[in-house]
């Protein structure tokens, strides 16, 4: 008998710089708990929250600002399974089911990684060519899918 997997509901943000649409630079943040892992800001959806509310809360908690404009969202929920060590850390979940958003920082937004519970130690805004060169972890296939969707829709 196969056991049904348990997925944590989650939101993720593809954060564009405030210079968008004149320049298309995407934020990547380097995790402070795993060596050389760069990713998009993301986080769990709390009980009673809708995805957009969770998105803004998570951005505030992770990058110190929710001063963003939501440009678009990926139309489907995407999911992935955690690899071994991450699975142990995230027990009782086997993976995450995510809703991706494309957002632009507002001109007055200031990123501050020194939040109450910092998850990142560094961030960069990169162009698409550098983005995938920096992503080497298990979320890469989802990132490719999401970025391609936003490209096909003419946002990037």
C-alpha atoms as a PDB file:
ATOM      1  CA  UNK A   1       0.000   0.000   0.000  1.00  0.00           C
ATOM      2  CA  UNK A   2       1.352   3.396  -1.008  1.00  0.00           C
ATOM      3  CA  UNK A   3       1.313   6.117   1.630  1.00  0.00           C
ATOM      4  CA  UNK A   4      -0.070   9.458   0.428  1.00  0.00           C
ATOM      5  CA  UNK A   5       2.533  12.187   0.538  1.00  0.00           C
ATOM      6  CA  UNK A   6       2.004  15.296   2.603  1.00  0.00           C
ATOM      7  CA  UNK A   7       2.775  18.649   0.974  1.00  0.00           C
ATOM      8  CA  UNK A   8       3.154  21.989   2.746  1.00  0.00           C
ATOM      9  CA  UNK A   9       1.334  24.877   1.056  1.00  0.00           C
ATOM     10  CA  UNK A  10       3.809  27.552   0.093  1.00  0.00           C
ATOM     11  CA  UNK A  11       4.235  30.745  -1.926  1.00  0.00           C
ATOM     12  CA  UNK A  12       7.287  31.829  -3.908  1.00  0.00           C
ATOM     13  CA  UNK A  13       8.197  35.179  -5.442  1.00  0.00           C
ATOM     14  CA  UNK A  14      10.118  35.962  -8.588  1.00  0.00           C
ATOM     15  CA  UNK A  15      11.179  39.454  -7.512  1.00  0.00           C
ATOM     16  CA  UNK A  16      12.067  41.915 -10.251  1.00  0.00           C
ATOM     17  CA  UNK A  17      14.078  45.049  -9.520  1.00  0.00           C
ATOM     18  CA  UNK A  18      12.323  48.398  -9.361  1.00  0.00           C
ATOM     19  CA  UNK A  19      13.843  49.244 -12.771  1.00  0.00           C
ATOM     20  CA  UNK A  20      11.523  46.749 -14.478  1.00  0.00           C
ATOM     21  CA  UNK A  21      10.307  46.889 -17.296  1.00  0.00           C
ATOM     22  CA  UNK A  22      13.251  48.974 -18.539  1.00  0.00           C
ATOM     23  CA  UNK A  23      15.683  46.404 -17.188  1.00  0.00           C
ATOM     24  CA  UNK A  24      14.813  42.809 -16.304  1.00  0.00           C
ATOM     25  CA  UNK A  25      16.867  41.843 -13.247  1.00  0.00           C
ATOM     26  CA  UNK A  26      15.686  39.037 -10.956  1.00  0.00           C
ATOM     27  CA  UNK A  27      16.478  38.745  -7.270  1.00  0.00           C
ATOM     28  CA  UNK A  28      18.212  35.646  -5.964  1.00  0.00           C
ATOM     29  CA  UNK A  29      18.990  35.238  -2.289  1.00  0.00           C
ATOM     30  CA  UNK A  30      21.710  33.042  -0.809  1.00  0.00           C
ATOM     31  CA  UNK A  31      20.551  30.829   2.064  1.00  0.00           C
ATOM     32  CA  UNK A  32      22.402  31.149   5.357  1.00  0.00           C
ATOM     33  CA  UNK A  33      21.914  27.513   6.402  1.00  0.00           C
ATOM     34  CA  UNK A  34      23.073  25.600   3.298  1.00  0.00           C
ATOM     35  CA  UNK A  35      26.310  26.253   1.385  1.00  0.00           C
ATOM     36  CA  UNK A  36      25.989  28.132  -1.899  1.00  0.00           C
ATOM     37  CA  UNK A  37      22.223  27.717  -2.387  1.00  0.00           C
ATOM     38  CA  UNK A  38      20.584  30.629  -4.193  1.00  0.00           C
ATOM     39  CA  UNK A  39      16.816  30.756  -4.444  1.00  0.00           C
ATOM     40  CA  UNK A  40      13.701  32.891  -4.763  1.00  0.00           C
ATOM     41  CA  UNK A  41      12.090  34.102  -1.538  1.00  0.00           C
ATOM     42  CA  UNK A  42       9.408  31.649  -0.452  1.00  0.00           C
ATOM     43  CA  UNK A  43       7.531  30.454   2.584  1.00  0.00           C
ATOM     44  CA  UNK A  44       4.594  28.609   4.032  1.00  0.00           C
ATOM     45  CA  UNK A  45       0.978  29.659   3.952  1.00  0.00           C
ATOM     46  CA  UNK A  46      -0.426  29.953   7.476  1.00  0.00           C
ATOM     47  CA  UNK A  47      -3.881  28.702   8.453  1.00  0.00           C
ATOM     48  CA  UNK A  48      -6.530  31.140   7.273  1.00  0.00           C
ATOM     49  CA  UNK A  49      -4.217  32.960   4.845  1.00  0.00           C
ATOM     50  CA  UNK A  50      -4.768  33.267   1.130  1.00  0.00           C
ATOM     51  CA  UNK A  51      -1.712  33.023  -1.153  1.00  0.00           C
ATOM     52  CA  UNK A  52      -1.403  36.776  -1.797  1.00  0.00           C
ATOM     53  CA  UNK A  53      -1.523  37.603   1.915  1.00  0.00           C
ATOM     54  CA  UNK A  54       1.069  34.884   2.596  1.00  0.00           C
ATOM     55  CA  UNK A  55       3.254  36.239  -0.202  1.00  0.00           C
ATOM     56  CA  UNK A  56       3.389  39.721   1.298  1.00  0.00           C
ATOM     57  CA  UNK A  57       3.990  38.398   4.822  1.00  0.00           C
ATOM     58  CA  UNK A  58       6.758  36.077   3.643  1.00  0.00           C
ATOM     59  CA  UNK A  59       8.479  38.830   1.677  1.00  0.00           C
ATOM     60  CA  UNK A  60       8.440  41.036   4.776  1.00  0.00           C
ATOM     61  CA  UNK A  61       9.800  38.182   6.919  1.00  0.00           C
ATOM     62  CA  UNK A  62      12.500  37.085   4.469  1.00  0.00           C
ATOM     63  CA  UNK A  63      13.706  40.194   2.641  1.00  0.00           C
ATOM     64  CA  UNK A  64      12.468  42.918   4.978  1.00  0.00           C
ATOM     65  CA  UNK A  65       9.926  44.481   2.641  1.00  0.00           C
ATOM     66  CA  UNK A  66       6.500  43.805   1.183  1.00  0.00           C
ATOM     67  CA  UNK A  67       6.686  46.947  -0.949  1.00  0.00           C
ATOM     68  CA  UNK A  68       5.960  45.152  -4.224  1.00  0.00           C
ATOM     69  CA  UNK A  69       3.545  45.276  -7.100  1.00  0.00           C
ATOM     70  CA  UNK A  70       2.137  41.893  -8.120  1.00  0.00           C
ATOM     71  CA  UNK A  71       2.493  41.645 -11.897  1.00  0.00           C
ATOM     72  CA  UNK A  72       1.286  38.092 -12.492  1.00  0.00           C
ATOM     73  CA  UNK A  73       0.975  34.654 -10.979  1.00  0.00           C
ATOM     74  CA  UNK A  74       1.650  31.213 -12.320  1.00  0.00           C
ATOM     75  CA  UNK A  75      -1.790  29.713 -13.072  1.00  0.00           C
ATOM     76  CA  UNK A  76      -1.244  26.342 -11.353  1.00  0.00           C
ATOM     77  CA  UNK A  77       0.095  25.038  -8.094  1.00  0.00           C
ATOM     78  CA  UNK A  78       3.457  23.311  -8.549  1.00  0.00           C
ATOM     79  CA  UNK A  79       4.937  20.775  -6.201  1.00  0.00           C
ATOM     80  CA  UNK A  80       8.226  19.118  -5.449  1.00  0.00           C
ATOM     81  CA  UNK A  81       9.525  16.508  -3.047  1.00  0.00           C
ATOM     82  CA  UNK A  82      12.247  17.345  -0.563  1.00  0.00           C
ATOM     83  CA  UNK A  83      15.593  15.575  -0.979  1.00  0.00           C
ATOM     84  CA  UNK A  84      16.887  13.499   1.960  1.00  0.00           C
ATOM     85  CA  UNK A  85      18.388  15.991   4.419  1.00  0.00           C
ATOM     86  CA  UNK A  86      15.800  18.679   3.684  1.00  0.00           C
ATOM     87  CA  UNK A  87      13.050  16.108   4.208  1.00  0.00           C
ATOM     88  CA  UNK A  88      14.344  15.399   7.717  1.00  0.00           C
ATOM     89  CA  UNK A  89      14.365  19.108   8.549  1.00  0.00           C
ATOM     90  CA  UNK A  90      10.855  19.699   7.160  1.00  0.00           C
ATOM     91  CA  UNK A  91       9.178  16.645   8.750  1.00  0.00           C
ATOM     92  CA  UNK A  92       6.239  15.791   8.654  1.00  0.00           C
ATOM     93  CA  UNK A  93       6.118  17.146   5.092  1.00  0.00           C
ATOM     94  CA  UNK A  94       7.384  15.226   2.069  1.00  0.00           C
ATOM     95  CA  UNK A  95       7.565  18.334  -0.083  1.00  0.00           C
ATOM     96  CA  UNK A  96       5.891  21.619  -0.916  1.00  0.00           C
ATOM     97  CA  UNK A  97       2.995  22.684  -3.127  1.00  0.00           C
ATOM     98  CA  UNK A  98       3.749  26.201  -4.303  1.00  0.00           C
ATOM     99  CA  UNK A  99       2.023  29.168  -5.901  1.00  0.00           C
ATOM    100  CA  UNK A 100       4.487  31.393  -7.775  1.00  0.00           C
ATOM    101  CA  UNK A 101       4.092  35.140  -8.191  1.00  0.00           C
ATOM    102  CA  UNK A 102       5.953  37.612 -10.372  1.00  0.00           C
ATOM    103  CA  UNK A 103       6.433  40.867  -8.467  1.00  0.00           C
ATOM    104  CA  UNK A 104       8.264  44.145  -8.975  1.00  0.00           C
ATOM    105  CA  UNK A 105       9.866  46.033  -6.123  1.00  0.00           C
ATOM    106  CA  UNK A 106       8.389  49.489  -5.698  1.00  0.00           C
ATOM    107  CA  UNK A 107      10.828  52.376  -6.178  1.00  0.00           C
ATOM    108  CA  UNK A 108      10.953  53.127  -2.436  1.00  0.00           C
ATOM    109  CA  UNK A 109      11.438  49.488  -1.354  1.00  0.00           C
ATOM    110  CA  UNK A 110      14.588  48.640   0.577  1.00  0.00           C
ATOM    111  CA  UNK A 111      15.710  45.058   1.035  1.00  0.00           C
ATOM    112  CA  UNK A 112      16.931  44.203   4.534  1.00  0.00           C
ATOM    113  CA  UNK A 113      18.034  40.625   5.136  1.00  0.00           C
ATOM    114  CA  UNK A 114      18.574  41.277   8.862  1.00  0.00           C
ATOM    115  CA  UNK A 115      15.034  40.279   9.723  1.00  0.00           C
ATOM    116  CA  UNK A 116      13.740  38.764  12.963  1.00  0.00           C
ATOM    117  CA  UNK A 117      14.758  35.264  11.813  1.00  0.00           C
ATOM    118  CA  UNK A 118      17.205  35.740   8.907  1.00  0.00           C
ATOM    119  CA  UNK A 119      17.168  33.047   6.229  1.00  0.00           C
ATOM    120  CA  UNK A 120      19.477  34.730   3.730  1.00  0.00           C
ATOM    121  CA  UNK A 121      22.983  36.158   3.995  1.00  0.00           C
ATOM    122  CA  UNK A 122      23.258  37.848   0.605  1.00  0.00           C
ATOM    123  CA  UNK A 123      21.193  38.794  -2.423  1.00  0.00           C
ATOM    124  CA  UNK A 124      21.823  39.800  -6.018  1.00  0.00           C
ATOM    125  CA  UNK A 125      19.761  41.027  -8.927  1.00  0.00           C
ATOM    126  CA  UNK A 126      20.799  39.059 -12.006  1.00  0.00           C
ATOM    127  CA  UNK A 127      19.730  38.778 -15.612  1.00  0.00           C
ATOM    128  CA  UNK A 128      18.199  35.592 -17.010  1.00  0.00           C
ATOM    129  CA  UNK A 129      21.516  34.323 -18.355  1.00  0.00           C
ATOM    130  CA  UNK A 130      23.093  34.350 -14.893  1.00  0.00           C
ATOM    131  CA  UNK A 131      19.961  33.180 -13.071  1.00  0.00           C
ATOM    132  CA  UNK A 132      20.117  29.553 -14.165  1.00  0.00           C
ATOM    133  CA  UNK A 133      23.897  29.409 -13.863  1.00  0.00           C
ATOM    134  CA  UNK A 134      23.430  30.130 -10.133  1.00  0.00           C
ATOM    135  CA  UNK A 135      20.642  27.595  -9.497  1.00  0.00           C
ATOM    136  CA  UNK A 136      22.003  24.088  -8.907  1.00  0.00           C
ATOM    137  CA  UNK A 137      19.476  22.616  -6.509  1.00  0.00           C
ATOM    138  CA  UNK A 138      16.388  20.440  -6.702  1.00  0.00           C
ATOM    139  CA  UNK A 139      14.044  23.397  -7.378  1.00  0.00           C
ATOM    140  CA  UNK A 140      15.710  24.237 -10.699  1.00  0.00           C
ATOM    141  CA  UNK A 141      13.109  22.415 -12.886  1.00  0.00           C
ATOM    142  CA  UNK A 142      10.296  24.425 -11.257  1.00  0.00           C
ATOM    143  CA  UNK A 143      12.214  27.673 -11.671  1.00  0.00           C
ATOM    144  CA  UNK A 144      12.728  26.935 -15.376  1.00  0.00           C
ATOM    145  CA  UNK A 145       9.026  26.173 -15.824  1.00  0.00           C
ATOM    146  CA  UNK A 146       7.905  29.336 -14.023  1.00  0.00           C
ATOM    147  CA  UNK A 147      10.368  31.654 -15.779  1.00  0.00           C
ATOM    148  CA  UNK A 148       9.458  30.205 -19.187  1.00  0.00           C
ATOM    149  CA  UNK A 149       5.782  30.795 -18.463  1.00  0.00           C
ATOM    150  CA  UNK A 150       6.391  34.446 -17.549  1.00  0.00           C
ATOM    151  CA  UNK A 151       8.551  34.821 -20.678  1.00  0.00           C
ATOM    152  CA  UNK A 152       5.862  33.304 -22.914  1.00  0.00           C
ATOM    153  CA  UNK A 153       3.300  35.706 -21.432  1.00  0.00           C
ATOM    154  CA  UNK A 154       5.575  38.625 -22.334  1.00  0.00           C
ATOM    155  CA  UNK A 155       6.525  39.700 -18.811  1.00  0.00           C
ATOM    156  CA  UNK A 156      10.234  39.006 -19.237  1.00  0.00           C
END
